[in-house]
């Protein structure tokens, strides 16, 4: 698991972001924490995972780039909207998949 350099953080998660990231890195159980990654299926733009799934063996060994951090699923959805709005609408980036690969 890798963290995106310009990590997108939801408003509620912002207050506790450092502690949340530290606990995720130490494989501590996180309640109501959601991580946004580039979609694994190649068709969608993003995946939203509850942080606890990263405690599973597959997720520990796979190379996921964490793009966003949110407290609550609703905040995760808003954060995905913010990411798309910022990159596509404001910066004119049309291929978001390639953007996060580079």
PDB file of N, CA and C in Angstrom:
ATOM      1  N   UNK A   1       0.853  -1.173   0.000  1.00  0.00           N
ATOM      2  CA  UNK A   1       0.000   0.000   0.000  1.00  0.00           C
ATOM      3  C   UNK A   1       0.897   1.234   0.000  1.00  0.00           C
ATOM      4  N   UNK A   2       0.532   2.148  -0.868  1.00  0.00           N
ATOM      5  CA  UNK A   2       1.247   3.422  -0.956  1.00  0.00           C
ATOM      6  C   UNK A   2       0.246   4.556  -0.795  1.00  0.00           C
ATOM      7  N   UNK A   3       0.711   5.675  -0.295  1.00  0.00           N
ATOM      8  CA  UNK A   3      -0.146   6.855  -0.111  1.00  0.00           C
ATOM      9  C   UNK A   3       0.195   7.864  -1.199  1.00  0.00           C
ATOM     10  N   UNK A   4      -0.813   8.377  -1.861  1.00  0.00           N
ATOM     11  CA  UNK A   4      -0.656   9.405  -2.881  1.00  0.00           C
ATOM     12  C   UNK A   4      -0.054  10.655  -2.239  1.00  0.00           C
ATOM     13  N   UNK A   5       0.892  11.274  -2.898  1.00  0.00           N
ATOM     14  CA  UNK A   5       1.590  12.432  -2.351  1.00  0.00           C
ATOM     15  C   UNK A   5       0.676  13.598  -2.006  1.00  0.00           C
ATOM     16  N   UNK A   6      -0.326  13.835  -2.824  1.00  0.00           N
ATOM     17  CA  UNK A   6      -1.305  14.901  -2.576  1.00  0.00           C
ATOM     18  C   UNK A   6      -2.616  14.277  -2.111  1.00  0.00           C
ATOM     19  N   UNK A   7      -2.540  13.489  -1.068  1.00  0.00           N
ATOM     20  CA  UNK A   7      -3.676  12.726  -0.571  1.00  0.00           C
ATOM     21  C   UNK A   7      -4.897  13.623  -0.393  1.00  0.00           C
ATOM     22  N   UNK A   8      -6.019  13.178  -0.931  1.00  0.00           N
ATOM     23  CA  UNK A   8      -7.288  13.883  -0.737  1.00  0.00           C
ATOM     24  C   UNK A   8      -7.872  13.413   0.588  1.00  0.00           C
ATOM     25  N   UNK A   9      -8.240  14.371   1.425  1.00  0.00           N
ATOM     26  CA  UNK A   9      -8.731  14.051   2.757  1.00  0.00           C
ATOM     27  C   UNK A   9     -10.067  14.750   2.964  1.00  0.00           C
ATOM     28  N   UNK A  10     -11.055  13.982   3.402  1.00  0.00           N
ATOM     29  CA  UNK A  10     -12.373  14.533   3.686  1.00  0.00           C
ATOM     30  C   UNK A  10     -12.326  15.490   4.862  1.00  0.00           C
ATOM     31  N   UNK A  11     -13.313  16.348   4.927  1.00  0.00           N
ATOM     32  CA  UNK A  11     -13.363  17.385   5.967  1.00  0.00           C
ATOM     33  C   UNK A  11     -13.329  16.800   7.379  1.00  0.00           C
ATOM     34  N   UNK A  12     -14.118  15.762   7.628  1.00  0.00           N
ATOM     35  CA  UNK A  12     -14.137  15.155   8.959  1.00  0.00           C
ATOM     36  C   UNK A  12     -12.855  14.387   9.264  1.00  0.00           C
ATOM     37  N   UNK A  13     -12.276  13.775   8.262  1.00  0.00           N
ATOM     38  CA  UNK A  13     -11.048  12.998   8.447  1.00  0.00           C
ATOM     39  C   UNK A  13      -9.832  13.894   8.631  1.00  0.00           C
ATOM     40  N   UNK A  14      -9.908  15.117   8.143  1.00  0.00           N
ATOM     41  CA  UNK A  14      -8.761  16.027   8.180  1.00  0.00           C
ATOM     42  C   UNK A  14      -8.235  16.236   9.600  1.00  0.00           C
ATOM     43  N   UNK A  15      -9.149  16.308  10.562  1.00  0.00           N
ATOM     44  CA  UNK A  15      -8.758  16.578  11.953  1.00  0.00           C
ATOM     45  C   UNK A  15      -7.900  15.463  12.543  1.00  0.00           C
ATOM     46  N   UNK A  16      -8.127  14.234  12.071  1.00  0.00           N
ATOM     47  CA  UNK A  16      -7.440  13.078  12.635  1.00  0.00           C
ATOM     48  C   UNK A  16      -6.573  12.356  11.604  1.00  0.00           C
ATOM     49  N   UNK A  17      -6.283  12.983  10.504  1.00  0.00           N
ATOM     50  CA  UNK A  17      -5.638  12.304   9.374  1.00  0.00           C
ATOM     51  C   UNK A  17      -4.320  11.634   9.752  1.00  0.00           C
ATOM     52  N   UNK A  18      -3.469  12.324  10.478  1.00  0.00           N
ATOM     53  CA  UNK A  18      -2.164  11.750  10.822  1.00  0.00           C
ATOM     54  C   UNK A  18      -2.316  10.478  11.648  1.00  0.00           C
ATOM     55  N   UNK A  19      -3.208  10.506  12.620  1.00  0.00           N
ATOM     56  CA  UNK A  19      -3.431   9.329  13.467  1.00  0.00           C
ATOM     57  C   UNK A  19      -4.061   8.188  12.669  1.00  0.00           C
ATOM     58  N   UNK A  20      -4.997   8.518  11.797  1.00  0.00           N
ATOM     59  CA  UNK A  20      -5.647   7.492  10.977  1.00  0.00           C
ATOM     60  C   UNK A  20      -4.620   6.820  10.069  1.00  0.00           C
ATOM     61  N   UNK A  21      -3.804   7.609   9.402  1.00  0.00           N
ATOM     62  CA  UNK A  21      -2.783   7.064   8.498  1.00  0.00           C
ATOM     63  C   UNK A  21      -1.806   6.187   9.271  1.00  0.00           C
ATOM     64  N   UNK A  22      -1.391   6.642  10.434  1.00  0.00           N
ATOM     65  CA  UNK A  22      -0.471   5.862  11.264  1.00  0.00           C
ATOM     66  C   UNK A  22      -1.085   4.511  11.636  1.00  0.00           C
ATOM     67  N   UNK A  23      -2.352   4.516  12.031  1.00  0.00           N
ATOM     68  CA  UNK A  23      -3.016   3.270  12.419  1.00  0.00           C
ATOM     69  C   UNK A  23      -3.217   2.345  11.226  1.00  0.00           C
ATOM     70  N   UNK A  24      -3.561   2.904  10.075  1.00  0.00           N
ATOM     71  CA  UNK A  24      -3.705   2.078   8.872  1.00  0.00           C
ATOM     72  C   UNK A  24      -2.365   1.439   8.527  1.00  0.00           C
ATOM     73  N   UNK A  25      -1.292   2.203   8.591  1.00  0.00           N
ATOM     74  CA  UNK A  25       0.043   1.676   8.301  1.00  0.00           C
ATOM     75  C   UNK A  25       0.462   0.583   9.278  1.00  0.00           C
ATOM     76  N   UNK A  26      -0.024   0.659  10.515  1.00  0.00           N
ATOM     77  CA  UNK A  26       0.312  -0.332  11.544  1.00  0.00           C
ATOM     78  C   UNK A  26      -0.707  -1.470  11.599  1.00  0.00           C
ATOM     79  N   UNK A  27      -1.605  -1.519  10.604  1.00  0.00           N
ATOM     80  CA  UNK A  27      -2.626  -2.569  10.518  1.00  0.00           C
ATOM     81  C   UNK A  27      -3.527  -2.617  11.746  1.00  0.00           C
ATOM     82  N   UNK A  28      -3.892  -1.459  12.246  1.00  0.00           N
ATOM     83  CA  UNK A  28      -4.839  -1.359  13.353  1.00  0.00           C
ATOM     84  C   UNK A  28      -6.244  -1.238  12.782  1.00  0.00           C
ATOM     85  N   UNK A  29      -7.195  -1.834  13.463  1.00  0.00           N
ATOM     86  CA  UNK A  29      -8.586  -1.776  13.028  1.00  0.00           C
ATOM     87  C   UNK A  29      -9.093  -0.337  13.106  1.00  0.00           C
ATOM     88  N   UNK A  30      -9.670   0.133  12.006  1.00  0.00           N
ATOM     89  CA  UNK A  30     -10.200   1.491  11.926  1.00  0.00           C
ATOM     90  C   UNK A  30     -11.695   1.428  11.673  1.00  0.00           C
ATOM     91  N   UNK A  31     -12.462   1.999  12.560  1.00  0.00           N
ATOM     92  CA  UNK A  31     -13.910   1.995  12.418  1.00  0.00           C
ATOM     93  C   UNK A  31     -14.347   3.240  11.633  1.00  0.00           C
ATOM     94  N   UNK A  32     -15.189   3.029  10.627  1.00  0.00           N
ATOM     95  CA  UNK A  32     -15.781   4.108   9.843  1.00  0.00           C
ATOM     96  C   UNK A  32     -14.765   4.897   9.010  1.00  0.00           C
ATOM     97  N   UNK A  33     -13.611   4.302   8.716  1.00  0.00           N
ATOM     98  CA  UNK A  33     -12.595   4.930   7.879  1.00  0.00           C
ATOM     99  C   UNK A  33     -12.664   4.277   6.501  1.00  0.00           C
ATOM    100  N   UNK A  34     -12.688   5.107   5.471  1.00  0.00           N
ATOM    101  CA  UNK A  34     -12.762   4.614   4.096  1.00  0.00           C
ATOM    102  C   UNK A  34     -11.577   5.142   3.301  1.00  0.00           C
ATOM    103  N   UNK A  35     -11.024   4.258   2.469  1.00  0.00           N
ATOM    104  CA  UNK A  35      -9.870   4.587   1.635  1.00  0.00           C
ATOM    105  C   UNK A  35     -10.289   4.520   0.174  1.00  0.00           C
ATOM    106  N   UNK A  36      -9.873   5.514  -0.574  1.00  0.00           N
ATOM    107  CA  UNK A  36     -10.217   5.603  -1.996  1.00  0.00           C
ATOM    108  C   UNK A  36      -8.960   5.264  -2.796  1.00  0.00           C
ATOM    109  N   UNK A  37      -9.118   4.320  -3.723  1.00  0.00           N
ATOM    110  CA  UNK A  37      -8.015   3.909  -4.578  1.00  0.00           C
ATOM    111  C   UNK A  37      -8.442   3.999  -6.038  1.00  0.00           C
ATOM    112  N   UNK A  38      -7.470   3.892  -6.921  1.00  0.00           N
ATOM    113  CA  UNK A  38      -7.780   3.766  -8.340  1.00  0.00           C
ATOM    114  C   UNK A  38      -8.486   2.432  -8.521  1.00  0.00           C
ATOM    115  N   UNK A  39      -9.481   2.370  -9.375  1.00  0.00           N
ATOM    116  CA  UNK A  39     -10.283   1.153  -9.544  1.00  0.00           C
ATOM    117  C   UNK A  39      -9.418  -0.024  -9.982  1.00  0.00           C
ATOM    118  N   UNK A  40      -9.642  -1.152  -9.347  1.00  0.00           N
ATOM    119  CA  UNK A  40      -8.882  -2.360  -9.657  1.00  0.00           C
ATOM    120  C   UNK A  40      -9.365  -3.035 -10.937  1.00  0.00           C
ATOM    121  N   UNK A  41     -10.609  -2.783 -11.337  1.00  0.00           N
ATOM    122  CA  UNK A  41     -11.174  -3.497 -12.487  1.00  0.00           C
ATOM    123  C   UNK A  41     -10.827  -2.877 -13.836  1.00  0.00           C
ATOM    124  N   UNK A  42     -10.251  -1.698 -13.863  1.00  0.00           N
ATOM    125  CA  UNK A  42      -9.873  -1.083 -15.126  1.00  0.00           C
ATOM    126  C   UNK A  42     -11.001  -0.373 -15.847  1.00  0.00           C
ATOM    127  N   UNK A  43     -12.230  -0.542 -15.381  1.00  0.00           N
ATOM    128  CA  UNK A  43     -13.381   0.100 -16.028  1.00  0.00           C
ATOM    129  C   UNK A  43     -13.827   1.346 -15.267  1.00  0.00           C
ATOM    130  N   UNK A  44     -13.884   1.233 -13.969  1.00  0.00           N
ATOM    131  CA  UNK A  44     -14.335   2.349 -13.139  1.00  0.00           C
ATOM    132  C   UNK A  44     -13.170   3.291 -12.863  1.00  0.00           C
ATOM    133  N   UNK A  45     -13.465   4.426 -12.279  1.00  0.00           N
ATOM    134  CA  UNK A  45     -12.402   5.371 -11.931  1.00  0.00           C
ATOM    135  C   UNK A  45     -11.794   5.075 -10.573  1.00  0.00           C
ATOM    136  N   UNK A  46     -12.648   4.827  -9.574  1.00  0.00           N
ATOM    137  CA  UNK A  46     -12.173   4.655  -8.204  1.00  0.00           C
ATOM    138  C   UNK A  46     -12.874   3.492  -7.521  1.00  0.00           C
ATOM    139  N   UNK A  47     -12.221   2.971  -6.492  1.00  0.00           N
ATOM    140  CA  UNK A  47     -12.831   2.026  -5.564  1.00  0.00           C
ATOM    141  C   UNK A  47     -12.835   2.680  -4.195  1.00  0.00           C
ATOM    142  N   UNK A  48     -13.879   2.417  -3.420  1.00  0.00           N
ATOM    143  CA  UNK A  48     -13.976   2.901  -2.053  1.00  0.00           C
ATOM    144  C   UNK A  48     -14.000   1.675  -1.152  1.00  0.00           C
ATOM    145  N   UNK A  49     -13.003   1.556  -0.282  1.00  0.00           N
ATOM    146  CA  UNK A  49     -12.888   0.415   0.614  1.00  0.00           C
ATOM    147  C   UNK A  49     -12.976   0.869   2.067  1.00  0.00           C
ATOM    148  N   UNK A  50     -13.673   0.103   2.903  1.00  0.00           N
ATOM    149  CA  UNK A  50     -13.538   0.347   4.338  1.00  0.00           C
ATOM    150  C   UNK A  50     -12.105  -0.043   4.721  1.00  0.00           C
ATOM    151  N   UNK A  51     -11.483   0.708   5.585  1.00  0.00           N
ATOM    152  CA  UNK A  51     -10.074   0.487   5.912  1.00  0.00           C
ATOM    153  C   UNK A  51      -9.809  -0.918   6.442  1.00  0.00           C
ATOM    154  N   UNK A  52     -10.795  -1.521   7.086  1.00  0.00           N
ATOM    155  CA  UNK A  52     -10.555  -2.841   7.681  1.00  0.00           C
ATOM    156  C   UNK A  52     -10.275  -3.924   6.648  1.00  0.00           C
ATOM    157  N   UNK A  53     -10.664  -3.739   5.391  1.00  0.00           N
ATOM    158  CA  UNK A  53     -10.371  -4.768   4.391  1.00  0.00           C
ATOM    159  C   UNK A  53      -8.869  -4.853   4.115  1.00  0.00           C
ATOM    160  N   UNK A  54      -8.139  -3.798   4.409  1.00  0.00           N
ATOM    161  CA  UNK A  54      -6.692  -3.815   4.195  1.00  0.00           C
ATOM    162  C   UNK A  54      -5.963  -4.650   5.249  1.00  0.00           C
ATOM    163  N   UNK A  55      -6.704  -5.206   6.196  1.00  0.00           N
ATOM    164  CA  UNK A  55      -6.138  -6.142   7.164  1.00  0.00           C
ATOM    165  C   UNK A  55      -6.093  -7.559   6.584  1.00  0.00           C
ATOM    166  N   UNK A  56      -6.804  -7.798   5.480  1.00  0.00           N
ATOM    167  CA  UNK A  56      -6.821  -9.109   4.845  1.00  0.00           C
ATOM    168  C   UNK A  56      -5.505  -9.359   4.107  1.00  0.00           C
ATOM    169  N   UNK A  57      -5.158 -10.625   4.016  1.00  0.00           N
ATOM    170  CA  UNK A  57      -3.876 -11.024   3.427  1.00  0.00           C
ATOM    171  C   UNK A  57      -3.679 -10.455   2.019  1.00  0.00           C
ATOM    172  N   UNK A  58      -4.697 -10.575   1.176  1.00  0.00           N
ATOM    173  CA  UNK A  58      -4.572 -10.092  -0.201  1.00  0.00           C
ATOM    174  C   UNK A  58      -4.221  -8.601  -0.247  1.00  0.00           C
ATOM    175  N   UNK A  59      -4.877  -7.818   0.561  1.00  0.00           N
ATOM    176  CA  UNK A  59      -4.670  -6.379   0.535  1.00  0.00           C
ATOM    177  C   UNK A  59      -3.320  -5.997   1.129  1.00  0.00           C
ATOM    178  N   UNK A  60      -2.821  -6.797   2.051  1.00  0.00           N
ATOM    179  CA  UNK A  60      -1.510  -6.515   2.647  1.00  0.00           C
ATOM    180  C   UNK A  60      -0.387  -6.687   1.633  1.00  0.00           C
ATOM    181  N   UNK A  61      -0.560  -7.636   0.707  1.00  0.00           N
ATOM    182  CA  UNK A  61       0.512  -7.928  -0.246  1.00  0.00           C
ATOM    183  C   UNK A  61       0.345  -7.197  -1.582  1.00  0.00           C
ATOM    184  N   UNK A  62      -0.859  -6.718  -1.883  1.00  0.00           N
ATOM    185  CA  UNK A  62      -1.101  -6.026  -3.155  1.00  0.00           C
ATOM    186  C   UNK A  62      -0.624  -4.579  -3.067  1.00  0.00           C
ATOM    187  N   UNK A  63      -0.322  -4.007  -4.219  1.00  0.00           N
ATOM    188  CA  UNK A  63       0.191  -2.637  -4.277  1.00  0.00           C
ATOM    189  C   UNK A  63      -0.936  -1.671  -4.632  1.00  0.00           C
ATOM    190  N   UNK A  64      -1.600  -1.144  -3.623  1.00  0.00           N
ATOM    191  CA  UNK A  64      -2.681  -0.182  -3.817  1.00  0.00           C
ATOM    192  C   UNK A  64      -2.154   1.224  -3.569  1.00  0.00           C
ATOM    193  N   UNK A  65      -2.558   2.150  -4.431  1.00  0.00           N
ATOM    194  CA  UNK A  65      -2.255   3.559  -4.220  1.00  0.00           C
ATOM    195  C   UNK A  65      -3.474   4.201  -3.585  1.00  0.00           C
ATOM    196  N   UNK A  66      -3.318   4.649  -2.339  1.00  0.00           N
ATOM    197  CA  UNK A  66      -4.415   5.291  -1.626  1.00  0.00           C
ATOM    198  C   UNK A  66      -4.462   6.753  -2.073  1.00  0.00           C
ATOM    199  N   UNK A  67      -5.565   7.135  -2.696  1.00  0.00           N
ATOM    200  CA  UNK A  67      -5.734   8.474  -3.236  1.00  0.00           C
ATOM    201  C   UNK A  67      -6.489   9.375  -2.265  1.00  0.00           C
ATOM    202  N   UNK A  68      -7.424   8.774  -1.512  1.00  0.00           N
ATOM    203  CA  UNK A  68      -8.251   9.579  -0.619  1.00  0.00           C
ATOM    204  C   UNK A  68      -8.539   8.873   0.688  1.00  0.00           C
ATOM    205  N   UNK A  69      -8.856   9.679   1.701  1.00  0.00           N
ATOM    206  CA  UNK A  69      -9.130   9.211   3.051  1.00  0.00           C
ATOM    207  C   UNK A  69     -10.368   9.929   3.556  1.00  0.00           C
ATOM    208  N   UNK A  70     -11.333   9.158   4.064  1.00  0.00           N
ATOM    209  CA  UNK A  70     -12.591   9.758   4.516  1.00  0.00           C
ATOM    210  C   UNK A  70     -13.094   9.064   5.772  1.00  0.00           C
ATOM    211  N   UNK A  71     -13.863   9.804   6.555  1.00  0.00           N
ATOM    212  CA  UNK A  71     -14.573   9.244   7.701  1.00  0.00           C
ATOM    213  C   UNK A  71     -16.033   9.093   7.295  1.00  0.00           C
ATOM    214  N   UNK A  72     -16.464   7.864   7.114  1.00  0.00           N
ATOM    215  CA  UNK A  72     -17.835   7.600   6.700  1.00  0.00           C
ATOM    216  C   UNK A  72     -17.946   7.456   5.195  1.00  0.00           C
ATOM    217  N   UNK A  73     -18.880   6.606   4.799  1.00  0.00           N
ATOM    218  CA  UNK A  73     -19.076   6.338   3.376  1.00  0.00           C
ATOM    219  C   UNK A  73     -19.597   7.572   2.635  1.00  0.00           C
ATOM    220  N   UNK A  74     -20.470   8.312   3.270  1.00  0.00           N
ATOM    221  CA  UNK A  74     -20.996   9.526   2.626  1.00  0.00           C
ATOM    222  C   UNK A  74     -19.877  10.517   2.328  1.00  0.00           C
ATOM    223  N   UNK A  75     -18.960  10.671   3.286  1.00  0.00           N
ATOM    224  CA  UNK A  75     -17.835  11.576   3.052  1.00  0.00           C
ATOM    225  C   UNK A  75     -16.942  11.034   1.940  1.00  0.00           C
ATOM    226  N   UNK A  76     -16.798   9.726   1.848  1.00  0.00           N
ATOM    227  CA  UNK A  76     -15.998   9.130   0.773  1.00  0.00           C
ATOM    228  C   UNK A  76     -16.613   9.437  -0.594  1.00  0.00           C
ATOM    229  N   UNK A  77     -17.937   9.347  -0.676  1.00  0.00           N
ATOM    230  CA  UNK A  77     -18.609   9.684  -1.943  1.00  0.00           C
ATOM    231  C   UNK A  77     -18.402  11.153  -2.307  1.00  0.00           C
ATOM    232  N   UNK A  78     -18.526  12.021  -1.322  1.00  0.00           N
ATOM    233  CA  UNK A  78     -18.287  13.454  -1.573  1.00  0.00           C
ATOM    234  C   UNK A  78     -16.842  13.706  -1.985  1.00  0.00           C
ATOM    235  N   UNK A  79     -15.926  12.963  -1.392  1.00  0.00           N
ATOM    236  CA  UNK A  79     -14.512  13.140  -1.716  1.00  0.00           C
ATOM    237  C   UNK A  79     -14.220  12.697  -3.152  1.00  0.00           C
ATOM    238  N   UNK A  80     -14.833  11.614  -3.589  1.00  0.00           N
ATOM    239  CA  UNK A  80     -14.676  11.177  -4.986  1.00  0.00           C
ATOM    240  C   UNK A  80     -15.208  12.260  -5.918  1.00  0.00           C
ATOM    241  N   UNK A  81     -16.331  12.844  -5.572  1.00  0.00           N
ATOM    242  CA  UNK A  81     -16.897  13.930  -6.369  1.00  0.00           C
ATOM    243  C   UNK A  81     -15.927  15.113  -6.408  1.00  0.00           C
ATOM    244  N   UNK A  82     -15.327  15.424  -5.287  1.00  0.00           N
ATOM    245  CA  UNK A  82     -14.354  16.519  -5.210  1.00  0.00           C
ATOM    246  C   UNK A  82     -13.142  16.241  -6.089  1.00  0.00           C
ATOM    247  N   UNK A  83     -12.655  15.009  -6.048  1.00  0.00           N
ATOM    248  CA  UNK A  83     -11.483  14.637  -6.859  1.00  0.00           C
ATOM    249  C   UNK A  83     -11.791  14.809  -8.342  1.00  0.00           C
ATOM    250  N   UNK A  84     -12.921  14.276  -8.771  1.00  0.00           N
ATOM    251  CA  UNK A  84     -13.298  14.379 -10.184  1.00  0.00           C
ATOM    252  C   UNK A  84     -13.492  15.838 -10.573  1.00  0.00           C
ATOM    253  N   UNK A  85     -14.179  16.588  -9.720  1.00  0.00           N
ATOM    254  CA  UNK A  85     -14.422  18.002 -10.003  1.00  0.00           C
ATOM    255  C   UNK A  85     -13.114  18.774 -10.122  1.00  0.00           C
ATOM    256  N   UNK A  86     -12.209  18.549  -9.199  1.00  0.00           N
ATOM    257  CA  UNK A  86     -10.943  19.288  -9.204  1.00  0.00           C
ATOM    258  C   UNK A  86     -10.086  18.943 -10.415  1.00  0.00           C
ATOM    259  N   UNK A  87      -9.971  17.665 -10.710  1.00  0.00           N
ATOM    260  CA  UNK A  87      -9.075  17.267 -11.793  1.00  0.00           C
ATOM    261  C   UNK A  87      -9.692  17.472 -13.175  1.00  0.00           C
ATOM    262  N   UNK A  88     -10.945  17.095 -13.335  1.00  0.00           N
ATOM    263  CA  UNK A  88     -11.570  17.174 -14.650  1.00  0.00           C
ATOM    264  C   UNK A  88     -12.085  18.575 -14.950  1.00  0.00           C
ATOM    265  N   UNK A  89     -12.874  19.114 -14.048  1.00  0.00           N
ATOM    266  CA  UNK A  89     -13.526  20.396 -14.324  1.00  0.00           C
ATOM    267  C   UNK A  89     -12.580  21.584 -14.171  1.00  0.00           C
ATOM    268  N   UNK A  90     -11.781  21.593 -13.147  1.00  0.00           N
ATOM    269  CA  UNK A  90     -10.935  22.762 -12.880  1.00  0.00           C
ATOM    270  C   UNK A  90      -9.583  22.704 -13.582  1.00  0.00           C
ATOM    271  N   UNK A  91      -8.999  21.491 -13.698  1.00  0.00           N
ATOM    272  CA  UNK A  91      -7.679  21.381 -14.315  1.00  0.00           C
ATOM    273  C   UNK A  91      -7.722  20.845 -15.738  1.00  0.00           C
ATOM    274  N   UNK A  92      -8.888  20.371 -16.173  1.00  0.00           N
ATOM    275  CA  UNK A  92      -9.036  19.897 -17.545  1.00  0.00           C
ATOM    276  C   UNK A  92      -8.395  18.551 -17.829  1.00  0.00           C
ATOM    277  N   UNK A  93      -8.081  17.788 -16.797  1.00  0.00           N
ATOM    278  CA  UNK A  93      -7.491  16.465 -16.984  1.00  0.00           C
ATOM    279  C   UNK A  93      -8.611  15.510 -17.377  1.00  0.00           C
ATOM    280  N   UNK A  94      -8.494  14.934 -18.564  1.00  0.00           N
ATOM    281  CA  UNK A  94      -9.577  14.099 -19.070  1.00  0.00           C
ATOM    282  C   UNK A  94      -9.366  12.615 -18.816  1.00  0.00           C
ATOM    283  N   UNK A  95      -8.146  12.169 -18.623  1.00  0.00           N
ATOM    284  CA  UNK A  95      -7.896  10.751 -18.372  1.00  0.00           C
ATOM    285  C   UNK A  95      -7.401  10.590 -16.935  1.00  0.00           C
ATOM    286  N   UNK A  96      -8.338  10.429 -16.029  1.00  0.00           N
ATOM    287  CA  UNK A  96      -7.990  10.338 -14.614  1.00  0.00           C
ATOM    288  C   UNK A  96      -7.207   9.077 -14.298  1.00  0.00           C
ATOM    289  N   UNK A  97      -7.469   7.991 -15.027  1.00  0.00           N
ATOM    290  CA  UNK A  97      -6.729   6.733 -14.785  1.00  0.00           C
ATOM    291  C   UNK A  97      -5.243   6.929 -15.019  1.00  0.00           C
ATOM    292  N   UNK A  98      -4.899   7.534 -16.137  1.00  0.00           N
ATOM    293  CA  UNK A  98      -3.490   7.786 -16.450  1.00  0.00           C
ATOM    294  C   UNK A  98      -2.877   8.801 -15.503  1.00  0.00           C
ATOM    295  N   UNK A  99      -3.646   9.758 -15.063  1.00  0.00           N
ATOM    296  CA  UNK A  99      -3.150  10.789 -14.157  1.00  0.00           C
ATOM    297  C   UNK A  99      -2.567  10.177 -12.893  1.00  0.00           C
ATOM    298  N   UNK A 100      -3.249   9.206 -12.323  1.00  0.00           N
ATOM    299  CA  UNK A 100      -2.779   8.600 -11.081  1.00  0.00           C
ATOM    300  C   UNK A 100      -1.719   7.528 -11.308  1.00  0.00           C
ATOM    301  N   UNK A 101      -1.516   7.101 -12.539  1.00  0.00           N
ATOM    302  CA  UNK A 101      -0.456   6.142 -12.845  1.00  0.00           C
ATOM    303  C   UNK A 101       0.897   6.829 -12.952  1.00  0.00           C
ATOM    304  N   UNK A 102       0.894   8.077 -13.355  1.00  0.00           N
ATOM    305  CA  UNK A 102       2.140   8.784 -13.615  1.00  0.00           C
ATOM    306  C   UNK A 102       2.679   9.502 -12.490  1.00  0.00           C
TER     307      UNK A 102
END
